[in-house]
Amino acid sequence: MLDIILMIVAIIIILLTLLQSGKSEGMSGAFTGGNGLNLFTNVKERGPEKIIANATLAMGILFFLLVIAENLFK
């Protein structure tokens, strides 16, 4: 049962990640050190972007907890 829930949560995380807008220059900016990628800046998301970001965070925490629960109850 936990396996099915874990797979559903993983699919939801993938979909939410694909719905998020890009915040950097893409792959070239990641490799060349573009100035748009700073993990410690204060990101001010609004509206749907904030909802999607919060939902992704919640699903990530749920995924983490489900993996731990699955390993404890095997």
PDB file of N, CA and C in Angstrom:
ATOM      1  N   MET A   1       0.817  -1.201   0.000  1.00  0.00           N
ATOM      2  CA  MET A   1       0.000   0.000   0.000  1.00  0.00           C
ATOM      3  C   MET A   1       0.863   1.268   0.000  1.00  0.00           C
ATOM      4  N   LEU A   2       1.930   1.260   0.825  1.00  0.00           N
ATOM      5  CA  LEU A   2       2.810   2.431   0.845  1.00  0.00           C
ATOM      6  C   LEU A   2       3.530   2.628  -0.484  1.00  0.00           C
ATOM      7  N   ASP A   3       3.766   1.499  -1.179  1.00  0.00           N
ATOM      8  CA  ASP A   3       4.437   1.610  -2.483  1.00  0.00           C
ATOM      9  C   ASP A   3       3.594   2.394  -3.477  1.00  0.00           C
ATOM     10  N   ILE A   4       2.308   2.130  -3.483  1.00  0.00           N
ATOM     11  CA  ILE A   4       1.414   2.820  -4.418  1.00  0.00           C
ATOM     12  C   ILE A   4       1.335   4.310  -4.085  1.00  0.00           C
ATOM     13  N   ILE A   5       1.197   4.624  -2.794  1.00  0.00           N
ATOM     14  CA  ILE A   5       1.142   6.030  -2.375  1.00  0.00           C
ATOM     15  C   ILE A   5       2.450   6.733  -2.717  1.00  0.00           C
ATOM     16  N   LEU A   6       3.570   6.038  -2.514  1.00  0.00           N
ATOM     17  CA  LEU A   6       4.883   6.611  -2.824  1.00  0.00           C
ATOM     18  C   LEU A   6       5.013   6.916  -4.316  1.00  0.00           C
ATOM     19  N   MET A   7       4.518   6.024  -5.155  1.00  0.00           N
ATOM     20  CA  MET A   7       4.583   6.261  -6.600  1.00  0.00           C
ATOM     21  C   MET A   7       3.689   7.427  -7.013  1.00  0.00           C
ATOM     22  N   ILE A   8       2.520   7.544  -6.410  1.00  0.00           N
ATOM     23  CA  ILE A   8       1.615   8.651  -6.732  1.00  0.00           C
ATOM     24  C   ILE A   8       2.240   9.984  -6.320  1.00  0.00           C
ATOM     25  N   VAL A   9       2.838  10.025  -5.123  1.00  0.00           N
ATOM     26  CA  VAL A   9       3.489  11.249  -4.658  1.00  0.00           C
ATOM     27  C   VAL A   9       4.663  11.612  -5.560  1.00  0.00           C
ATOM     28  N   ALA A  10       5.421  10.605  -6.010  1.00  0.00           N
ATOM     29  CA  ALA A  10       6.552  10.867  -6.913  1.00  0.00           C
ATOM     30  C   ALA A  10       6.067  11.468  -8.234  1.00  0.00           C
ATOM     31  N   ILE A  11       4.977  10.961  -8.763  1.00  0.00           N
ATOM     32  CA  ILE A  11       4.435  11.501 -10.020  1.00  0.00           C
ATOM     33  C   ILE A  11       3.953  12.936  -9.812  1.00  0.00           C
ATOM     34  N   ILE A  12       3.322  13.198  -8.668  1.00  0.00           N
ATOM     35  CA  ILE A  12       2.859  14.562  -8.377  1.00  0.00           C
ATOM     36  C   ILE A  12       4.048  15.515  -8.262  1.00  0.00           C
ATOM     37  N   ILE A  13       5.143  15.069  -7.632  1.00  0.00           N
ATOM     38  CA  ILE A  13       6.344  15.908  -7.523  1.00  0.00           C
ATOM     39  C   ILE A  13       6.898  16.221  -8.902  1.00  0.00           C
ATOM     40  N   ILE A  14       6.940  15.228  -9.774  1.00  0.00           N
ATOM     41  CA  ILE A  14       7.447  15.446 -11.131  1.00  0.00           C
ATOM     42  C   ILE A  14       6.577  16.471 -11.865  1.00  0.00           C
ATOM     43  N   LEU A  15       5.260  16.325 -11.771  1.00  0.00           N
ATOM     44  CA  LEU A  15       4.357  17.264 -12.452  1.00  0.00           C
ATOM     45  C   LEU A  15       4.481  18.674 -11.897  1.00  0.00           C
ATOM     46  N   LEU A  16       4.560  18.802 -10.561  1.00  0.00           N
ATOM     47  CA  LEU A  16       4.702  20.129  -9.970  1.00  0.00           C
ATOM     48  C   LEU A  16       6.028  20.775 -10.353  1.00  0.00           C
ATOM     49  N   THR A  17       7.071  19.971 -10.447  1.00  0.00           N
ATOM     50  CA  THR A  17       8.370  20.504 -10.846  1.00  0.00           C
ATOM     51  C   THR A  17       8.336  21.000 -12.287  1.00  0.00           C
ATOM     52  N   LEU A  18       7.658  20.270 -13.148  1.00  0.00           N
ATOM     53  CA  LEU A  18       7.554  20.697 -14.545  1.00  0.00           C
ATOM     54  C   LEU A  18       6.690  21.942 -14.704  1.00  0.00           C
ATOM     55  N   LEU A  19       5.753  22.180 -13.785  1.00  0.00           N
ATOM     56  CA  LEU A  19       4.898  23.367 -13.858  1.00  0.00           C
ATOM     57  C   LEU A  19       5.610  24.643 -13.414  1.00  0.00           C
ATOM     58  N   GLN A  20       6.699  24.498 -12.657  1.00  0.00           N
ATOM     59  CA  GLN A  20       7.390  25.681 -12.152  1.00  0.00           C
ATOM     60  C   GLN A  20       8.135  26.386 -13.277  1.00  0.00           C
ATOM     61  N   SER A  21       8.169  27.711 -13.179  1.00  0.00           N
ATOM     62  CA  SER A  21       8.868  28.489 -14.201  1.00  0.00           C
ATOM     63  C   SER A  21      10.362  28.487 -13.913  1.00  0.00           C
ATOM     64  N   GLY A  22      11.151  28.629 -14.954  1.00  0.00           N
ATOM     65  CA  GLY A  22      12.592  28.660 -14.792  1.00  0.00           C
ATOM     66  C   GLY A  22      13.045  29.955 -14.133  1.00  0.00           C
ATOM     67  N   LYS A  23      14.007  29.846 -13.224  1.00  0.00           N
ATOM     68  CA  LYS A  23      14.482  31.028 -12.505  1.00  0.00           C
ATOM     69  C   LYS A  23      15.942  31.338 -12.806  1.00  0.00           C
ATOM     70  N   SER A  24      16.515  30.646 -13.761  1.00  0.00           N
ATOM     71  CA  SER A  24      17.920  30.897 -14.094  1.00  0.00           C
ATOM     72  C   SER A  24      18.087  30.906 -15.609  1.00  0.00           C
ATOM     73  N   GLU A  25      19.310  30.942 -16.037  1.00  0.00           N
ATOM     74  CA  GLU A  25      19.607  31.004 -17.469  1.00  0.00           C
ATOM     75  C   GLU A  25      19.542  29.642 -18.136  1.00  0.00           C
ATOM     76  N   GLY A  26      19.239  28.602 -17.392  1.00  0.00           N
ATOM     77  CA  GLY A  26      19.199  27.265 -17.946  1.00  0.00           C
ATOM     78  C   GLY A  26      20.477  26.509 -17.636  1.00  0.00           C
ATOM     79  N   MET A  27      20.715  25.481 -18.404  1.00  0.00           N
ATOM     80  CA  MET A  27      21.865  24.616 -18.150  1.00  0.00           C
ATOM     81  C   MET A  27      23.191  25.348 -18.372  1.00  0.00           C
ATOM     82  N   SER A  28      23.241  26.236 -19.350  1.00  0.00           N
ATOM     83  CA  SER A  28      24.497  26.949 -19.599  1.00  0.00           C
ATOM     84  C   SER A  28      24.849  27.852 -18.430  1.00  0.00           C
ATOM     85  N   GLY A  29      23.862  28.467 -17.800  1.00  0.00           N
ATOM     86  CA  GLY A  29      24.109  29.311 -16.641  1.00  0.00           C
ATOM     87  C   GLY A  29      24.565  28.507 -15.434  1.00  0.00           C
ATOM     88  N   ALA A  30      24.081  27.274 -15.342  1.00  0.00           N
ATOM     89  CA  ALA A  30      24.487  26.424 -14.222  1.00  0.00           C
ATOM     90  C   ALA A  30      25.952  26.009 -14.350  1.00  0.00           C
ATOM     91  N   PHE A  31      26.404  25.758 -15.577  1.00  0.00           N
ATOM     92  CA  PHE A  31      27.789  25.315 -15.762  1.00  0.00           C
ATOM     93  C   PHE A  31      28.780  26.470 -15.831  1.00  0.00           C
ATOM     94  N   THR A  32      28.339  27.615 -16.349  1.00  0.00           N
ATOM     95  CA  THR A  32      29.265  28.736 -16.489  1.00  0.00           C
ATOM     96  C   THR A  32      29.245  29.670 -15.293  1.00  0.00           C
ATOM     97  N   GLY A  33      28.374  29.417 -14.347  1.00  0.00           N
ATOM     98  CA  GLY A  33      28.328  30.263 -13.150  1.00  0.00           C
ATOM     99  C   GLY A  33      27.576  31.556 -13.369  1.00  0.00           C
ATOM    100  N   GLY A  34      26.462  31.469 -14.048  1.00  0.00           N
ATOM    101  CA  GLY A  34      25.659  32.664 -14.288  1.00  0.00           C
ATOM    102  C   GLY A  34      25.183  33.269 -12.974  1.00  0.00           C
ATOM    103  N   ASN A  35      24.974  34.563 -12.962  1.00  0.00           N
ATOM    104  CA  ASN A  35      24.623  35.246 -11.721  1.00  0.00           C
ATOM    105  C   ASN A  35      23.160  35.069 -11.326  1.00  0.00           C
ATOM    106  N   GLY A  36      22.352  34.353 -12.097  1.00  0.00           N
ATOM    107  CA  GLY A  36      20.954  34.166 -11.771  1.00  0.00           C
ATOM    108  C   GLY A  36      20.688  33.039 -10.790  1.00  0.00           C
ATOM    109  N   LEU A  37      21.695  32.239 -10.466  1.00  0.00           N
ATOM    110  CA  LEU A  37      21.480  31.064  -9.620  1.00  0.00           C
ATOM    111  C   LEU A  37      22.133  31.281  -8.273  1.00  0.00           C
ATOM    112  N   ASN A  38      21.351  31.657  -7.290  1.00  0.00           N
ATOM    113  CA  ASN A  38      21.841  31.807  -5.926  1.00  0.00           C
ATOM    114  C   ASN A  38      20.811  31.188  -5.005  1.00  0.00           C
ATOM    115  N   LEU A  39      21.180  30.117  -4.321  1.00  0.00           N
ATOM    116  CA  LEU A  39      20.231  29.377  -3.502  1.00  0.00           C
ATOM    117  C   LEU A  39      19.829  30.113  -2.237  1.00  0.00           C
ATOM    118  N   PHE A  40      20.604  31.107  -1.823  1.00  0.00           N
ATOM    119  CA  PHE A  40      20.361  31.762  -0.555  1.00  0.00           C
ATOM    120  C   PHE A  40      19.712  33.138  -0.691  1.00  0.00           C
ATOM    121  N   THR A  41      19.239  33.473  -1.872  1.00  0.00           N
ATOM    122  CA  THR A  41      18.550  34.749  -2.043  1.00  0.00           C
ATOM    123  C   THR A  41      17.101  34.615  -1.603  1.00  0.00           C
ATOM    124  N   ASN A  42      16.499  35.711  -1.261  1.00  0.00           N
ATOM    125  CA  ASN A  42      15.110  35.714  -0.833  1.00  0.00           C
ATOM    126  C   ASN A  42      14.223  35.747  -2.070  1.00  0.00           C
ATOM    127  N   VAL A  43      13.569  34.630  -2.368  1.00  0.00           N
ATOM    128  CA  VAL A  43      12.739  34.523  -3.560  1.00  0.00           C
ATOM    129  C   VAL A  43      11.336  35.014  -3.210  1.00  0.00           C
ATOM    130  N   LYS A  44      10.831  35.956  -3.999  1.00  0.00           N
ATOM    131  CA  LYS A  44       9.501  36.511  -3.752  1.00  0.00           C
ATOM    132  C   LYS A  44       8.561  36.006  -4.838  1.00  0.00           C
ATOM    133  N   GLU A  45       7.984  34.831  -4.579  1.00  0.00           N
ATOM    134  CA  GLU A  45       7.034  34.278  -5.526  1.00  0.00           C
ATOM    135  C   GLU A  45       5.648  34.786  -5.170  1.00  0.00           C
ATOM    136  N   ARG A  46       4.799  34.908  -6.173  1.00  0.00           N
ATOM    137  CA  ARG A  46       3.458  35.427  -5.946  1.00  0.00           C
ATOM    138  C   ARG A  46       2.448  34.575  -6.692  1.00  0.00           C
ATOM    139  N   GLY A  47       1.265  34.547  -6.183  1.00  0.00           N
ATOM    140  CA  GLY A  47       0.150  33.889  -6.859  1.00  0.00           C
ATOM    141  C   GLY A  47       0.354  32.412  -7.068  1.00  0.00           C
ATOM    142  N   PRO A  48       0.083  31.962  -8.286  1.00  0.00           N
ATOM    143  CA  PRO A  48       0.178  30.520  -8.579  1.00  0.00           C
ATOM    144  C   PRO A  48       1.588  29.958  -8.384  1.00  0.00           C
ATOM    145  N   GLU A  49       2.617  30.764  -8.632  1.00  0.00           N
ATOM    146  CA  GLU A  49       3.987  30.277  -8.460  1.00  0.00           C
ATOM    147  C   GLU A  49       4.251  29.907  -7.011  1.00  0.00           C
ATOM    148  N   LYS A  50       3.731  30.712  -6.097  1.00  0.00           N
ATOM    149  CA  LYS A  50       3.925  30.432  -4.676  1.00  0.00           C
ATOM    150  C   LYS A  50       3.173  29.174  -4.263  1.00  0.00           C
ATOM    151  N   ILE A  51       1.965  29.005  -4.785  1.00  0.00           N
ATOM    152  CA  ILE A  51       1.174  27.813  -4.465  1.00  0.00           C
ATOM    153  C   ILE A  51       1.869  26.562  -4.973  1.00  0.00           C
ATOM    154  N   ILE A  52       2.386  26.613  -6.202  1.00  0.00           N
ATOM    155  CA  ILE A  52       3.077  25.460  -6.772  1.00  0.00           C
ATOM    156  C   ILE A  52       4.361  25.165  -6.007  1.00  0.00           C
ATOM    157  N   ALA A  53       5.103  26.204  -5.620  1.00  0.00           N
ATOM    158  CA  ALA A  53       6.342  26.006  -4.862  1.00  0.00           C
ATOM    159  C   ALA A  53       6.051  25.406  -3.490  1.00  0.00           C
ATOM    160  N   ASN A  54       5.010  25.882  -2.822  1.00  0.00           N
ATOM    161  CA  ASN A  54       4.649  25.325  -1.514  1.00  0.00           C
ATOM    162  C   ASN A  54       4.145  23.893  -1.632  1.00  0.00           C
ATOM    163  N   ALA A  55       3.382  23.614  -2.681  1.00  0.00           N
ATOM    164  CA  ALA A  55       2.890  22.249  -2.890  1.00  0.00           C
ATOM    165  C   ALA A  55       4.051  21.298  -3.187  1.00  0.00           C
ATOM    166  N   THR A  56       5.034  21.759  -3.948  1.00  0.00           N
ATOM    167  CA  THR A  56       6.205  20.935  -4.232  1.00  0.00           C
ATOM    168  C   THR A  56       6.978  20.645  -2.951  1.00  0.00           C
ATOM    169  N   LEU A  57       7.135  21.641  -2.109  1.00  0.00           N
ATOM    170  CA  LEU A  57       7.815  21.450  -0.832  1.00  0.00           C
ATOM    171  C   LEU A  57       7.060  20.449   0.042  1.00  0.00           C
ATOM    172  N   ALA A  58       5.742  20.592   0.116  1.00  0.00           N
ATOM    173  CA  ALA A  58       4.933  19.679   0.928  1.00  0.00           C
ATOM    174  C   ALA A  58       5.018  18.250   0.396  1.00  0.00           C
ATOM    175  N   MET A  59       4.964  18.086  -0.909  1.00  0.00           N
ATOM    176  CA  MET A  59       5.060  16.746  -1.490  1.00  0.00           C
ATOM    177  C   MET A  59       6.446  16.143  -1.278  1.00  0.00           C
ATOM    178  N   GLY A  60       7.475  16.974  -1.308  1.00  0.00           N
ATOM    179  CA  GLY A  60       8.829  16.487  -1.038  1.00  0.00           C
ATOM    180  C   GLY A  60       8.974  15.989   0.385  1.00  0.00           C
ATOM    181  N   ILE A  61       8.391  16.718   1.332  1.00  0.00           N
ATOM    182  CA  ILE A  61       8.431  16.292   2.743  1.00  0.00           C
ATOM    183  C   ILE A  61       7.628  15.007   2.913  1.00  0.00           C
ATOM    184  N   LEU A  62       6.453  14.930   2.276  1.00  0.00           N
ATOM    185  CA  LEU A  62       5.634  13.724   2.347  1.00  0.00           C
ATOM    186  C   LEU A  62       6.371  12.532   1.743  1.00  0.00           C
ATOM    187  N   PHE A  63       7.061  12.735   0.626  1.00  0.00           N
ATOM    188  CA  PHE A  63       7.846  11.671  -0.012  1.00  0.00           C
ATOM    189  C   PHE A  63       8.926  11.174   0.937  1.00  0.00           C
ATOM    190  N   PHE A  64       9.632  12.093   1.564  1.00  0.00           N
ATOM    191  CA  PHE A  64      10.692  11.746   2.521  1.00  0.00           C
ATOM    192  C   PHE A  64      10.123  10.904   3.669  1.00  0.00           C
ATOM    193  N   LEU A  65       8.994  11.344   4.221  1.00  0.00           N
ATOM    194  CA  LEU A  65       8.385  10.620   5.338  1.00  0.00           C
ATOM    195  C   LEU A  65       7.869   9.242   4.914  1.00  0.00           C
ATOM    196  N   LEU A  66       7.332   9.141   3.708  1.00  0.00           N
ATOM    197  CA  LEU A  66       6.861   7.851   3.224  1.00  0.00           C
ATOM    198  C   LEU A  66       7.998   6.858   3.007  1.00  0.00           C
ATOM    199  N   VAL A  67       9.125   7.345   2.521  1.00  0.00           N
ATOM    200  CA  VAL A  67      10.279   6.456   2.337  1.00  0.00           C
ATOM    201  C   VAL A  67      10.772   5.941   3.692  1.00  0.00           C
ATOM    202  N   ILE A  68      10.823   6.805   4.675  1.00  0.00           N
ATOM    203  CA  ILE A  68      11.235   6.382   6.019  1.00  0.00           C
ATOM    204  C   ILE A  68      10.224   5.386   6.585  1.00  0.00           C
ATOM    205  N   ALA A  69       8.929   5.669   6.442  1.00  0.00           N
ATOM    206  CA  ALA A  69       7.897   4.767   6.967  1.00  0.00           C
ATOM    207  C   ALA A  69       7.946   3.417   6.276  1.00  0.00           C
ATOM    208  N   GLU A  70       8.204   3.424   4.972  1.00  0.00           N
ATOM    209  CA  GLU A  70       8.268   2.168   4.240  1.00  0.00           C
ATOM    210  C   GLU A  70       9.447   1.313   4.709  1.00  0.00           C
ATOM    211  N   ASN A  71      10.569   1.950   4.991  1.00  0.00           N
ATOM    212  CA  ASN A  71      11.727   1.195   5.455  1.00  0.00           C
ATOM    213  C   ASN A  71      11.572   0.725   6.899  1.00  0.00           C
ATOM    214  N   LEU A  72      10.836   1.447   7.705  1.00  0.00           N
ATOM    215  CA  LEU A  72      10.626   1.031   9.087  1.00  0.00           C
ATOM    216  C   LEU A  72       9.649  -0.137   9.196  1.00  0.00           C
ATOM    217  N   PHE A  73       8.645  -0.166   8.332  1.00  0.00           N
ATOM    218  CA  PHE A  73       7.597  -1.174   8.439  1.00  0.00           C
ATOM    219  C   PHE A  73       7.775  -2.343   7.480  1.00  0.00           C
ATOM    220  N   LYS A  74       8.952  -2.537   6.926  1.00  0.00           N
ATOM    221  CA  LYS A  74       9.196  -3.697   6.049  1.00  0.00           C
ATOM    222  C   LYS A  74       9.419  -4.937   6.835  1.00  0.00           C
TER     223      LYS A  74
END
